[in-house]
Amino acid sequence: MRVAGVLHIFQFETRQGEDICMALQTHINDIMMKRYSKAKAASDARASDSGGAGGAGSSAYSAKMEEALREQGAALERAQTGLAASQQAESKAR
């Protein structure tokens, strides 16, 4: 069972013990997800209160990310073209 990123190993002699362990792990995961969602909601609320949704900084960041996305798209196209060419060369060699 993994709790907060740390692996704990338990061994049970009965199926009931295994079921208890699974129920405990599910309960812990549910609690951690609730905490995460509360923290995320609070973080999102703080970002929207500080104008993070439409300030000048966010438009510059968006432009930077769009440029990075275009560059990655071009790199992906080049890689796919190279892969297709090497696959054709391999099939012709056979």
N, C-alpha and C. Protein backbone atom coordinates (compact mmCIF):
# COMPACT_ATOMS: atom_id res chain seq x y z
N MET A 1 0.86 -1.17 0.00
CA MET A 1 0.00 0.00 0.00
C MET A 1 0.90 1.22 0.00
N ARG A 2 0.58 2.19 -0.82
CA ARG A 2 1.36 3.42 -0.90
C ARG A 2 0.59 4.54 -0.22
N VAL A 3 1.22 5.17 0.77
CA VAL A 3 0.60 6.28 1.49
C VAL A 3 1.57 7.45 1.42
N ALA A 4 1.09 8.55 0.87
CA ALA A 4 1.88 9.78 0.74
C ALA A 4 3.22 9.50 0.07
N GLY A 5 3.20 8.66 -0.96
CA GLY A 5 4.39 8.38 -1.72
C GLY A 5 5.33 7.37 -1.11
N VAL A 6 5.00 6.85 0.06
CA VAL A 6 5.85 5.87 0.73
C VAL A 6 5.16 4.51 0.66
N LEU A 7 5.91 3.51 0.24
CA LEU A 7 5.35 2.18 0.09
C LEU A 7 5.40 1.44 1.42
N HIS A 8 4.24 0.97 1.87
CA HIS A 8 4.14 0.16 3.09
C HIS A 8 3.67 -1.22 2.67
N ILE A 9 4.34 -2.24 3.15
CA ILE A 9 3.98 -3.60 2.77
C ILE A 9 3.35 -4.31 3.96
N PHE A 10 2.16 -4.84 3.72
CA PHE A 10 1.44 -5.60 4.74
C PHE A 10 1.14 -6.97 4.17
N GLN A 11 1.18 -7.98 5.02
CA GLN A 11 0.83 -9.32 4.57
C GLN A 11 -0.26 -9.85 5.48
N PHE A 12 -1.34 -10.32 4.87
CA PHE A 12 -2.47 -10.83 5.61
C PHE A 12 -2.68 -12.29 5.28
N GLU A 13 -3.15 -13.02 6.23
CA GLU A 13 -3.38 -14.44 6.01
C GLU A 13 -4.79 -14.73 5.53
N THR A 14 -5.65 -13.73 5.58
CA THR A 14 -7.04 -13.97 5.17
C THR A 14 -7.43 -12.95 4.10
N ARG A 15 -8.46 -13.29 3.39
CA ARG A 15 -9.00 -12.40 2.38
C ARG A 15 -9.59 -11.15 3.04
N GLN A 16 -10.13 -11.32 4.24
CA GLN A 16 -10.71 -10.19 4.96
C GLN A 16 -9.64 -9.14 5.26
N GLY A 17 -8.46 -9.58 5.63
CA GLY A 17 -7.36 -8.64 5.88
C GLY A 17 -6.99 -7.86 4.64
N GLU A 18 -6.95 -8.56 3.50
CA GLU A 18 -6.68 -7.89 2.23
C GLU A 18 -7.76 -6.87 1.90
N ASP A 19 -9.01 -7.23 2.16
CA ASP A 19 -10.13 -6.32 1.91
C ASP A 19 -10.05 -5.08 2.79
N ILE A 20 -9.66 -5.27 4.03
CA ILE A 20 -9.51 -4.13 4.95
C ILE A 20 -8.41 -3.20 4.46
N CYS A 21 -7.31 -3.79 4.02
CA CYS A 21 -6.20 -2.98 3.51
C CYS A 21 -6.64 -2.18 2.28
N MET A 22 -7.37 -2.82 1.38
CA MET A 22 -7.85 -2.13 0.17
C MET A 22 -8.81 -1.00 0.53
N ALA A 23 -9.69 -1.25 1.50
CA ALA A 23 -10.64 -0.21 1.93
C ALA A 23 -9.90 0.96 2.56
N LEU A 24 -8.87 0.66 3.35
CA LEU A 24 -8.08 1.72 3.97
C LEU A 24 -7.35 2.54 2.91
N GLN A 25 -6.77 1.88 1.93
CA GLN A 25 -6.07 2.59 0.87
C GLN A 25 -7.04 3.47 0.08
N THR A 26 -8.21 2.96 -0.22
CA THR A 26 -9.21 3.74 -0.94
C THR A 26 -9.63 4.97 -0.13
N HIS A 27 -9.82 4.78 1.16
CA HIS A 27 -10.21 5.89 2.05
C HIS A 27 -9.11 6.96 2.07
N ILE A 28 -7.87 6.53 2.20
CA ILE A 28 -6.76 7.49 2.24
C ILE A 28 -6.66 8.24 0.92
N ASN A 29 -6.81 7.51 -0.19
CA ASN A 29 -6.76 8.17 -1.50
C ASN A 29 -7.88 9.19 -1.66
N ASP A 30 -9.07 8.86 -1.18
CA ASP A 30 -10.19 9.79 -1.26
C ASP A 30 -9.90 11.06 -0.47
N ILE A 31 -9.36 10.91 0.72
CA ILE A 31 -9.03 12.07 1.56
C ILE A 31 -7.96 12.92 0.88
N MET A 32 -6.95 12.28 0.33
CA MET A 32 -5.89 13.03 -0.33
C MET A 32 -6.42 13.77 -1.57
N MET A 33 -7.33 13.15 -2.31
CA MET A 33 -7.92 13.82 -3.48
C MET A 33 -8.76 15.02 -3.05
N LYS A 34 -9.48 14.89 -1.94
CA LYS A 34 -10.26 16.03 -1.44
C LYS A 34 -9.35 17.17 -1.05
N ARG A 35 -8.24 16.85 -0.37
CA ARG A 35 -7.29 17.89 0.02
C ARG A 35 -6.69 18.55 -1.20
N TYR A 36 -6.34 17.75 -2.20
CA TYR A 36 -5.75 18.29 -3.41
C TYR A 36 -6.74 19.21 -4.12
N SER A 37 -7.99 18.77 -4.23
CA SER A 37 -8.98 19.58 -4.94
C SER A 37 -9.25 20.88 -4.18
N LYS A 38 -9.27 20.84 -2.85
CA LYS A 38 -9.45 22.08 -2.07
C LYS A 38 -8.29 23.02 -2.29
N ALA A 39 -7.06 22.49 -2.26
CA ALA A 39 -5.88 23.33 -2.47
C ALA A 39 -5.88 23.91 -3.87
N LYS A 40 -6.26 23.11 -4.86
CA LYS A 40 -6.31 23.58 -6.25
C LYS A 40 -7.37 24.67 -6.40
N ALA A 41 -8.53 24.48 -5.79
CA ALA A 41 -9.59 25.49 -5.87
C ALA A 41 -9.14 26.80 -5.22
N ALA A 42 -8.46 26.70 -4.09
CA ALA A 42 -7.97 27.90 -3.41
C ALA A 42 -6.92 28.59 -4.27
N SER A 43 -6.06 27.81 -4.89
CA SER A 43 -5.02 28.38 -5.76
C SER A 43 -5.64 29.06 -6.97
N ASP A 44 -6.64 28.42 -7.57
CA ASP A 44 -7.33 29.02 -8.72
C ASP A 44 -8.05 30.30 -8.33
N ALA A 45 -8.64 30.30 -7.14
CA ALA A 45 -9.35 31.49 -6.67
C ALA A 45 -8.37 32.64 -6.46
N ARG A 46 -7.20 32.34 -5.90
CA ARG A 46 -6.19 33.37 -5.70
C ARG A 46 -5.69 33.91 -7.04
N ALA A 47 -5.52 33.03 -8.02
CA ALA A 47 -5.04 33.46 -9.33
C ALA A 47 -6.06 34.36 -10.02
N SER A 48 -7.33 34.02 -9.91
CA SER A 48 -8.35 34.86 -10.56
C SER A 48 -8.53 36.17 -9.82
N ASP A 49 -8.33 36.18 -8.50
CA ASP A 49 -8.44 37.43 -7.73
C ASP A 49 -7.30 38.38 -8.07
N SER A 50 -6.13 37.83 -8.39
CA SER A 50 -4.98 38.68 -8.67
C SER A 50 -4.90 39.09 -10.13
N GLY A 51 -5.93 38.76 -10.90
CA GLY A 51 -5.95 39.16 -12.30
C GLY A 51 -5.13 38.24 -13.18
N GLY A 52 -4.89 37.03 -12.75
CA GLY A 52 -4.08 36.10 -13.52
C GLY A 52 -4.76 35.61 -14.77
N ALA A 53 -6.02 35.89 -14.96
CA ALA A 53 -6.74 35.34 -16.11
C ALA A 53 -6.69 36.24 -17.34
N GLY A 54 -6.14 37.45 -17.24
CA GLY A 54 -6.18 38.27 -18.43
C GLY A 54 -5.25 39.46 -18.41
N GLY A 55 -4.22 39.43 -17.60
CA GLY A 55 -3.30 40.55 -17.54
C GLY A 55 -2.33 40.54 -18.70
N ALA A 56 -1.50 41.57 -18.78
CA ALA A 56 -0.51 41.67 -19.85
C ALA A 56 0.50 40.55 -19.77
N GLY A 57 0.84 40.13 -18.58
CA GLY A 57 1.80 39.04 -18.41
C GLY A 57 1.28 37.73 -18.97
N SER A 58 -0.01 37.49 -18.83
CA SER A 58 -0.56 36.23 -19.33
C SER A 58 -0.62 36.22 -20.85
N SER A 59 -0.82 37.37 -21.50
CA SER A 59 -0.83 37.38 -22.96
C SER A 59 0.58 37.15 -23.50
N ALA A 60 1.59 37.68 -22.83
CA ALA A 60 2.97 37.42 -23.24
C ALA A 60 3.30 35.95 -23.05
N TYR A 61 2.84 35.39 -21.96
CA TYR A 61 3.07 33.97 -21.68
C TYR A 61 2.35 33.12 -22.73
N SER A 62 1.13 33.48 -23.07
CA SER A 62 0.38 32.75 -24.09
C SER A 62 1.09 32.79 -25.43
N ALA A 63 1.60 33.95 -25.80
CA ALA A 63 2.32 34.07 -27.06
C ALA A 63 3.57 33.19 -27.05
N LYS A 64 4.26 33.19 -25.93
CA LYS A 64 5.46 32.36 -25.79
C LYS A 64 5.11 30.88 -25.91
N MET A 65 4.03 30.48 -25.26
CA MET A 65 3.62 29.08 -25.31
C MET A 65 3.13 28.68 -26.70
N GLU A 66 2.44 29.59 -27.39
CA GLU A 66 1.99 29.31 -28.76
C GLU A 66 3.19 29.12 -29.69
N GLU A 67 4.21 29.94 -29.52
CA GLU A 67 5.43 29.80 -30.33
C GLU A 67 6.11 28.46 -30.03
N ALA A 68 6.20 28.10 -28.76
CA ALA A 68 6.80 26.82 -28.39
C ALA A 68 6.00 25.66 -28.97
N LEU A 69 4.67 25.80 -28.97
CA LEU A 69 3.81 24.77 -29.54
C LEU A 69 4.04 24.63 -31.04
N ARG A 70 4.17 25.75 -31.74
CA ARG A 70 4.44 25.70 -33.18
C ARG A 70 5.79 25.02 -33.45
N GLU A 71 6.80 25.37 -32.65
CA GLU A 71 8.12 24.76 -32.82
C GLU A 71 8.06 23.25 -32.59
N GLN A 72 7.36 22.84 -31.55
CA GLN A 72 7.24 21.41 -31.27
C GLN A 72 6.45 20.69 -32.35
N GLY A 73 5.44 21.34 -32.90
CA GLY A 73 4.67 20.76 -34.00
C GLY A 73 5.55 20.56 -35.22
N ALA A 74 6.39 21.55 -35.52
CA ALA A 74 7.30 21.43 -36.66
C ALA A 74 8.30 20.31 -36.42
N ALA A 75 8.82 20.21 -35.21
CA ALA A 75 9.76 19.13 -34.89
C ALA A 75 9.08 17.77 -35.01
N LEU A 76 7.84 17.68 -34.60
CA LEU A 76 7.09 16.43 -34.71
C LEU A 76 6.90 16.06 -36.18
N GLU A 77 6.55 17.04 -37.01
CA GLU A 77 6.38 16.76 -38.44
C GLU A 77 7.68 16.27 -39.07
N ARG A 78 8.81 16.92 -38.70
CA ARG A 78 10.10 16.47 -39.22
C ARG A 78 10.41 15.05 -38.78
N ALA A 79 10.13 14.73 -37.53
CA ALA A 79 10.39 13.38 -37.02
C ALA A 79 9.50 12.36 -37.73
N GLN A 80 8.25 12.70 -37.95
CA GLN A 80 7.34 11.78 -38.64
C GLN A 80 7.77 11.56 -40.08
N THR A 81 8.22 12.62 -40.74
CA THR A 81 8.71 12.51 -42.12
C THR A 81 9.94 11.61 -42.16
N GLY A 82 10.85 11.82 -41.22
CA GLY A 82 12.06 10.98 -41.16
C GLY A 82 11.72 9.54 -40.88
N LEU A 83 10.78 9.30 -40.01
CA LEU A 83 10.36 7.94 -39.69
C LEU A 83 9.74 7.27 -40.90
N ALA A 84 8.88 8.00 -41.61
CA ALA A 84 8.25 7.44 -42.81
C ALA A 84 9.30 7.11 -43.87
N ALA A 85 10.28 7.99 -44.04
CA ALA A 85 11.33 7.75 -45.02
C ALA A 85 12.16 6.53 -44.64
N SER A 86 12.49 6.40 -43.38
CA SER A 86 13.29 5.24 -42.96
C SER A 86 12.49 3.95 -43.06
N GLN A 87 11.19 4.01 -42.81
CA GLN A 87 10.36 2.82 -42.97
C GLN A 87 10.26 2.42 -44.44
N GLN A 88 10.16 3.41 -45.35
CA GLN A 88 10.12 3.10 -46.77
C GLN A 88 11.43 2.49 -47.23
N ALA A 89 12.54 3.05 -46.77
CA ALA A 89 13.86 2.54 -47.15
C ALA A 89 14.04 1.10 -46.63
N GLU A 90 13.53 0.84 -45.43
CA GLU A 90 13.64 -0.49 -44.86
C GLU A 90 12.79 -1.49 -45.65
N SER A 91 11.59 -1.06 -46.04
CA SER A 91 10.72 -1.97 -46.78
C SER A 91 11.27 -2.24 -48.19
N LYS A 92 11.94 -1.26 -48.80
CA LYS A 92 12.54 -1.46 -50.11
C LYS A 92 13.77 -2.37 -50.02
N ALA A 93 14.46 -2.31 -48.88
CA ALA A 93 15.65 -3.14 -48.69
C ALA A 93 15.28 -4.62 -48.53
N ARG A 94 14.09 -4.90 -48.16
CA ARG A 94 13.66 -6.30 -47.97
C ARG A 94 13.29 -6.86 -49.25
